[in-house]
N, C-alpha and C. Protein backbone atom coordinates (compact mmCIF):
# COMPACT_ATOMS: atom_id res chain seq x y z
N MET A 1 0.83 -1.03 0.07
CA MET A 1 0.08 -0.36 -0.34
C MET A 1 1.40 1.24 -0.27
N GLY A 2 0.55 2.08 -0.60
CA GLY A 2 0.96 3.46 -1.03
C GLY A 2 0.77 4.59 -0.66
N TRP A 3 1.32 5.20 0.87
CA TRP A 3 0.84 5.84 1.38
C TRP A 3 1.12 7.28 0.49
N VAL A 4 0.16 8.60 1.15
CA VAL A 4 0.35 9.93 0.22
C VAL A 4 0.12 10.75 1.17
N SER A 5 1.03 11.85 1.78
CA SER A 5 0.96 13.14 2.44
C SER A 5 -0.22 13.59 2.36
N ALA A 6 -1.04 13.90 3.41
CA ALA A 6 -2.37 14.79 3.56
C ALA A 6 -2.25 15.55 4.87
N GLY A 7 -1.76 16.44 5.04
CA GLY A 7 -1.32 17.52 6.13
C GLY A 7 -0.43 17.05 7.28
N ASP A 8 -0.74 16.68 8.48
CA ASP A 8 -0.29 15.64 9.23
C ASP A 8 -0.21 14.55 9.04
N TYR A 9 -1.16 13.97 8.39
CA TYR A 9 -1.15 12.68 7.94
C TYR A 9 -0.75 11.80 6.81
N GLU A 10 -1.02 10.41 6.60
CA GLU A 10 -0.52 9.91 5.80
C GLU A 10 -2.02 8.82 4.96
N VAL A 11 -2.45 9.29 3.93
CA VAL A 11 -3.40 8.11 3.23
C VAL A 11 -3.25 7.64 2.07
N ALA A 12 -4.06 6.44 1.92
CA ALA A 12 -4.02 5.48 1.20
C ALA A 12 -5.22 4.90 0.72
N LEU A 13 -5.23 3.47 -0.15
CA LEU A 13 -6.16 3.16 0.04
C LEU A 13 -6.07 1.27 -0.01
N ASP A 14 -7.13 1.03 0.99
CA ASP A 14 -6.88 -0.33 1.32
C ASP A 14 -8.76 -0.89 1.39
N GLY A 15 -8.33 -1.87 0.45
CA GLY A 15 -9.75 -2.36 -0.01
C GLY A 15 -10.77 -1.75 -0.46
N GLY A 16 -10.41 -0.30 -1.22
CA GLY A 16 -11.84 0.08 -1.70
C GLY A 16 -11.89 1.12 -0.60
N LYS A 17 -11.17 1.71 -0.23
CA LYS A 17 -11.55 2.69 0.93
C LYS A 17 -10.11 3.33 1.40
N VAL A 18 -10.64 4.37 1.81
CA VAL A 18 -9.48 5.83 2.22
C VAL A 18 -8.94 5.15 3.38
N VAL A 19 -7.84 4.75 3.84
CA VAL A 19 -7.71 4.77 5.70
C VAL A 19 -6.65 5.98 5.47
N CYS A 20 -6.12 6.32 6.90
CA CYS A 20 -5.68 6.88 7.79
C CYS A 20 -4.84 6.75 8.67
N ARG A 21 -3.19 7.12 8.52
CA ARG A 21 -2.80 7.20 9.42
C ARG A 21 -1.90 8.62 10.09
N ASN A 22 -1.27 8.23 11.25
CA ASN A 22 -1.01 9.51 11.92
C ASN A 22 0.43 9.47 11.79
N ALA A 23 1.38 10.51 12.20
CA ALA A 23 2.65 11.00 12.28
C ALA A 23 3.52 9.86 12.72
N ALA A 24 2.62 9.30 14.25
CA ALA A 24 3.52 7.73 14.74
C ALA A 24 3.09 6.80 14.01
N GLY A 25 2.25 6.55 12.69
CA GLY A 25 2.03 5.41 11.84
C GLY A 25 1.11 4.25 12.07
N ARG A 26 0.01 5.21 13.25
CA ARG A 26 -0.81 4.33 14.11
C ARG A 26 -1.85 4.89 13.12
N LEU A 27 -2.89 3.38 12.81
CA LEU A 27 -3.59 3.24 11.75
C LEU A 27 -5.11 4.42 12.25
N LEU A 28 -5.83 4.66 11.51
CA LEU A 28 -6.92 5.81 12.54
C LEU A 28 -8.34 5.32 11.96
N LYS A 29 -9.10 4.83 12.93
CA LYS A 29 -10.70 4.95 12.39
C LYS A 29 -11.38 5.25 11.38
N SER A 30 -10.98 6.38 11.24
CA SER A 30 -11.40 7.30 9.78
C SER A 30 -11.01 8.28 9.75
N VAL A 31 -10.86 8.80 8.24
CA VAL A 31 -10.25 9.86 8.00
C VAL A 31 -10.39 11.49 8.71
N PRO A 32 -9.64 12.07 9.60
CA PRO A 32 -9.98 13.10 10.29
C PRO A 32 -10.73 13.92 9.41
N PRO A 33 -12.01 15.07 9.41
CA PRO A 33 -12.16 16.42 9.39
C PRO A 33 -11.65 17.14 8.81
N LYS A 34 -10.46 17.47 9.23
CA LYS A 34 -9.42 18.61 9.16
C LYS A 34 -8.95 18.59 7.65
N ILE A 35 -8.68 17.07 7.31
CA ILE A 35 -7.78 17.07 5.87
C ILE A 35 -9.48 15.86 4.92
N ALA A 36 -10.34 16.47 5.35
CA ALA A 36 -11.27 15.60 4.22
C ALA A 36 -11.07 16.26 3.11
N ASP A 37 -11.01 17.52 2.99
CA ASP A 37 -11.13 18.24 1.88
C ASP A 37 -9.36 18.38 1.59
N ASP A 38 -8.74 18.02 1.81
CA ASP A 38 -7.14 17.80 1.17
C ASP A 38 -7.24 17.22 -0.09
N PRO A 39 -6.52 17.63 -1.19
CA PRO A 39 -6.38 16.88 -2.30
C PRO A 39 -6.29 15.37 -1.99
N ALA A 40 -5.13 15.13 -1.99
CA ALA A 40 -4.59 13.30 -1.63
C ALA A 40 -6.08 12.73 -0.89
N VAL A 41 -6.82 13.40 -0.32
CA VAL A 41 -7.68 12.68 0.09
C VAL A 41 -8.88 12.75 -0.79
N VAL A 42 -9.66 13.36 -1.30
CA VAL A 42 -10.25 14.10 -2.47
C VAL A 42 -10.09 13.36 -4.17
N GLY A 43 -8.80 13.30 -4.37
CA GLY A 43 -8.40 11.87 -5.33
C GLY A 43 -8.46 10.85 -5.44
N LEU A 44 -7.67 10.47 -3.93
CA LEU A 44 -8.63 9.11 -3.63
C LEU A 44 -9.69 8.61 -3.47
N LYS A 45 -10.50 9.36 -2.79
CA LYS A 45 -12.28 9.14 -2.89
C LYS A 45 -12.58 9.20 -4.23
N GLN A 46 -11.94 10.12 -5.20
CA GLN A 46 -12.94 9.91 -6.72
C GLN A 46 -12.02 8.53 -7.13
N LEU A 47 -10.95 8.28 -7.14
CA LEU A 47 -10.56 7.21 -7.43
C LEU A 47 -11.25 5.71 -7.21
N VAL A 48 -11.47 6.19 -5.89
CA VAL A 48 -12.48 4.57 -5.33
C VAL A 48 -13.53 4.59 -6.59
N GLU A 49 -14.14 6.15 -6.88
CA GLU A 49 -15.58 5.98 -7.05
C GLU A 49 -15.43 5.77 -8.73
N TRP A 50 -14.20 6.24 -9.36
CA TRP A 50 -14.32 5.56 -10.30
C TRP A 50 -14.19 4.34 -11.24
N LEU A 51 -12.96 3.36 -10.04
CA LEU A 51 -12.86 1.71 -9.88
C LEU A 51 -13.97 1.54 -9.90
N GLU A 52 -15.09 2.01 -9.07
CA GLU A 52 -16.20 1.24 -8.72
C GLU A 52 -17.21 1.08 -9.65
N ARG A 53 -17.00 2.46 -10.80
CA ARG A 53 -17.74 2.27 -11.91
C ARG A 53 -17.12 1.79 -12.79
N HIS A 54 -16.01 1.42 -12.93
CA HIS A 54 -15.48 0.85 -13.92
C HIS A 54 -15.54 -0.60 -13.81
N GLU A 55 -15.73 -1.35 -12.66
CA GLU A 55 -15.86 -2.37 -12.23
C GLU A 55 -17.19 -2.84 -12.85
N ARG A 56 -17.95 -1.91 -12.54
CA ARG A 56 -19.87 -2.07 -13.08
C ARG A 56 -19.62 -2.02 -14.33
N GLN A 57 -19.25 -1.52 -15.10
CA GLN A 57 -19.23 -1.47 -16.60
C GLN A 57 -18.37 -2.87 -17.05
N CYS A 58 -17.41 -3.20 -16.66
CA CYS A 58 -16.67 -4.50 -16.64
C CYS A 58 -18.10 -5.48 -16.68
N ASP A 59 -19.05 -5.53 -15.63
CA ASP A 59 -19.53 -6.68 -15.48
C ASP A 59 -20.91 -6.30 -16.40
N LEU A 60 -21.66 -5.30 -16.78
CA LEU A 60 -22.34 -5.12 -17.97
C LEU A 60 -21.53 -6.02 -19.28
N VAL A 61 -20.38 -5.48 -19.51
CA VAL A 61 -19.98 -6.22 -20.79
C VAL A 61 -20.01 -7.91 -20.34
N HIS A 62 -19.33 -7.91 -19.85
CA HIS A 62 -18.78 -9.53 -19.28
C HIS A 62 -20.26 -10.57 -19.22
N SER A 63 -21.66 -9.60 -18.77
CA SER A 63 -22.85 -10.01 -18.93
C SER A 63 -23.58 -10.36 -19.98
N ALA A 64 -23.30 -9.19 -20.80
CA ALA A 64 -24.08 -9.27 -22.28
C ALA A 64 -23.38 -10.18 -23.03
N ALA A 65 -21.70 -10.49 -22.62
CA ALA A 65 -21.39 -10.95 -23.90
C ALA A 65 -21.47 -12.61 -23.56
N ALA A 66 -21.52 -13.27 -22.15
CA ALA A 66 -21.67 -14.25 -21.63
C ALA A 66 -23.52 -14.90 -21.24
N ASP A 67 -24.19 -13.78 -21.47
CA ASP A 67 -25.56 -14.38 -21.37
C ASP A 67 -26.40 -15.03 -22.49
N ARG A 68 -26.18 -16.02 -23.28
CA ARG A 68 -26.19 -16.99 -23.96
C ARG A 68 -27.44 -18.05 -23.28
N THR A 69 -28.34 -18.00 -24.24
CA THR A 69 -29.32 -18.92 -23.57
C THR A 69 -29.32 -20.22 -24.98
N HIS A 70 -30.01 -21.44 -24.54
CA HIS A 70 -30.16 -22.95 -25.61
C HIS A 70 -31.22 -23.00 -25.82
N ASP A 71 -31.33 -23.71 -26.96
CA ASP A 71 -32.61 -23.89 -27.96
C ASP A 71 -33.20 -25.16 -27.21
N VAL A 72 -34.19 -25.99 -27.42
CA VAL A 72 -34.32 -27.01 -27.05
C VAL A 72 -33.55 -28.27 -27.21
N PHE A 73 -32.73 -28.23 -28.22
CA PHE A 73 -31.62 -29.29 -28.70
C PHE A 73 -30.34 -28.89 -28.08
N GLY A 74 -30.43 -27.74 -27.21
CA GLY A 74 -28.88 -27.77 -26.58
C GLY A 74 -27.88 -26.71 -27.19
N ARG A 75 -28.59 -26.27 -28.40
CA ARG A 75 -28.08 -25.21 -29.27
C ARG A 75 -27.49 -23.88 -28.40
N LEU A 76 -26.75 -22.88 -28.95
CA LEU A 76 -26.76 -21.92 -28.33
C LEU A 76 -27.67 -21.12 -29.10
N ASP A 77 -28.59 -19.91 -28.98
CA ASP A 77 -29.53 -19.35 -29.45
C ASP A 77 -28.52 -17.97 -30.07
N PRO A 78 -28.76 -17.32 -31.05
CA PRO A 78 -28.37 -16.03 -31.03
C PRO A 78 -27.68 -14.97 -30.33
N THR A 79 -26.93 -14.43 -29.86
CA THR A 79 -26.76 -12.97 -29.06
C THR A 79 -27.49 -12.37 -29.25
N ASP A 80 -27.78 -11.35 -28.75
CA ASP A 80 -28.78 -10.23 -28.58
C ASP A 80 -27.25 -9.06 -28.98
N PRO A 81 -27.35 -8.70 -30.34
CA PRO A 81 -25.69 -7.57 -30.75
C PRO A 81 -26.30 -6.45 -30.00
N ALA A 82 -27.54 -5.78 -29.83
CA ALA A 82 -27.67 -4.08 -29.76
C ALA A 82 -27.24 -4.49 -28.37
N ARG A 83 -27.61 -5.24 -27.40
CA ARG A 83 -27.15 -5.41 -25.76
C ARG A 83 -25.83 -5.20 -25.50
N PHE A 84 -24.91 -6.45 -26.09
CA PHE A 84 -23.23 -6.18 -26.28
C PHE A 84 -23.09 -4.93 -26.54
N ALA A 85 -23.53 -4.36 -27.58
CA ALA A 85 -23.44 -2.84 -28.41
C ALA A 85 -22.76 -2.29 -27.42
N HIS A 86 -24.49 -1.81 -26.87
CA HIS A 86 -24.28 -1.00 -26.21
C HIS A 86 -23.68 -0.70 -24.99
N ALA A 87 -23.62 -2.19 -24.11
CA ALA A 87 -22.61 -2.25 -22.90
C ALA A 87 -21.04 -1.79 -23.20
N TRP A 88 -20.73 -2.37 -24.85
CA TRP A 88 -19.35 -1.74 -25.39
C TRP A 88 -19.25 -0.45 -24.98
N LEU A 89 -20.14 -0.10 -25.93
CA LEU A 89 -19.99 1.64 -26.17
C LEU A 89 -20.04 2.77 -24.83
N ALA A 90 -20.71 1.84 -23.70
CA ALA A 90 -20.81 2.59 -22.45
C ALA A 90 -19.49 2.06 -21.73
N ALA A 91 -19.08 1.31 -22.12
CA ALA A 91 -17.56 0.85 -21.13
C ALA A 91 -16.82 2.08 -21.89
N ALA A 92 -16.47 1.81 -23.51
CA ALA A 92 -16.00 2.55 -24.67
C ALA A 92 -15.67 4.36 -23.65
N HIS A 93 -16.92 4.36 -23.65
CA HIS A 93 -17.74 6.31 -23.29
C HIS A 93 -17.07 6.50 -21.90
N TYR A 94 -16.95 5.39 -21.10
CA TYR A 94 -16.31 5.84 -19.48
C TYR A 94 -15.24 5.63 -19.50
N THR A 95 -14.15 5.14 -20.30
CA THR A 95 -13.14 4.90 -20.45
C THR A 95 -12.40 5.90 -21.29
N GLU A 96 -13.11 6.63 -22.21
CA GLU A 96 -12.18 8.47 -22.52
C GLU A 96 -12.91 9.33 -21.51
N GLU A 97 -13.71 9.26 -21.15
CA GLU A 97 -13.92 10.03 -20.05
C GLU A 97 -13.04 10.10 -18.87
N LEU A 98 -12.65 8.75 -18.29
CA LEU A 98 -11.87 8.77 -17.45
C LEU A 98 -10.74 9.25 -17.76
N ASP A 99 -10.04 8.74 -19.23
CA ASP A 99 -8.71 9.13 -19.72
C ASP A 99 -8.52 10.24 -19.14
N ARG A 100 -9.24 11.25 -19.92
CA ARG A 100 -9.60 12.67 -19.67
C ARG A 100 -9.42 13.85 -19.05
N ALA A 101 -9.95 12.78 -17.99
CA ALA A 101 -10.30 13.35 -16.46
C ALA A 101 -8.96 13.31 -15.61
N LEU A 102 -8.44 12.14 -15.99
CA LEU A 102 -7.03 11.71 -15.18
C LEU A 102 -5.89 12.78 -15.98
N CYS A 103 -6.37 12.77 -17.08
CA CYS A 103 -5.20 13.52 -17.72
C CYS A 103 -5.22 15.39 -17.35
N ALA A 104 -6.42 15.73 -17.50
CA ALA A 104 -6.38 17.21 -16.86
C ALA A 104 -5.96 17.08 -14.77
N ALA A 105 -6.03 15.96 -14.47
CA ALA A 105 -5.25 15.92 -13.12
C ALA A 105 -4.19 15.63 -12.98
N ALA A 106 -3.24 15.36 -14.01
CA ALA A 106 -2.42 15.09 -14.38
C ALA A 106 -1.73 16.29 -14.10
N TRP A 107 -2.10 17.17 -15.57
CA TRP A 107 -1.37 18.52 -15.72
C TRP A 107 -1.52 19.52 -14.91
N SER A 108 -2.70 19.61 -13.59
CA SER A 108 -3.49 20.09 -12.85
C SER A 108 -2.32 20.47 -11.60
N GLY A 109 -1.56 19.24 -11.45
CA GLY A 109 -0.73 19.26 -10.25
C GLY A 109 -1.11 18.64 -9.53
């Protein structure tokens, strides 16, 4: 886990949530309110949201690709290309927006 400075504390991601430790290295139960608006904390929270959204998009694409029914003889029925295309395009659009946001964040410091 990589720790990032936030005021007198350090923050990191652990199991999909932002965790914090004090200067002595003791892990705190929650992020102190006085650093909640620190850019490092805000950035990590945004990253968690993006990762959760990405996971949902991947699940939709997988579900659309894997959801195949069988006819009475056990043969695979045709896929629903519109459903798969919709999920794929949504994931592609999300990825493009994420790239744009990450690039803007990297250039803004």
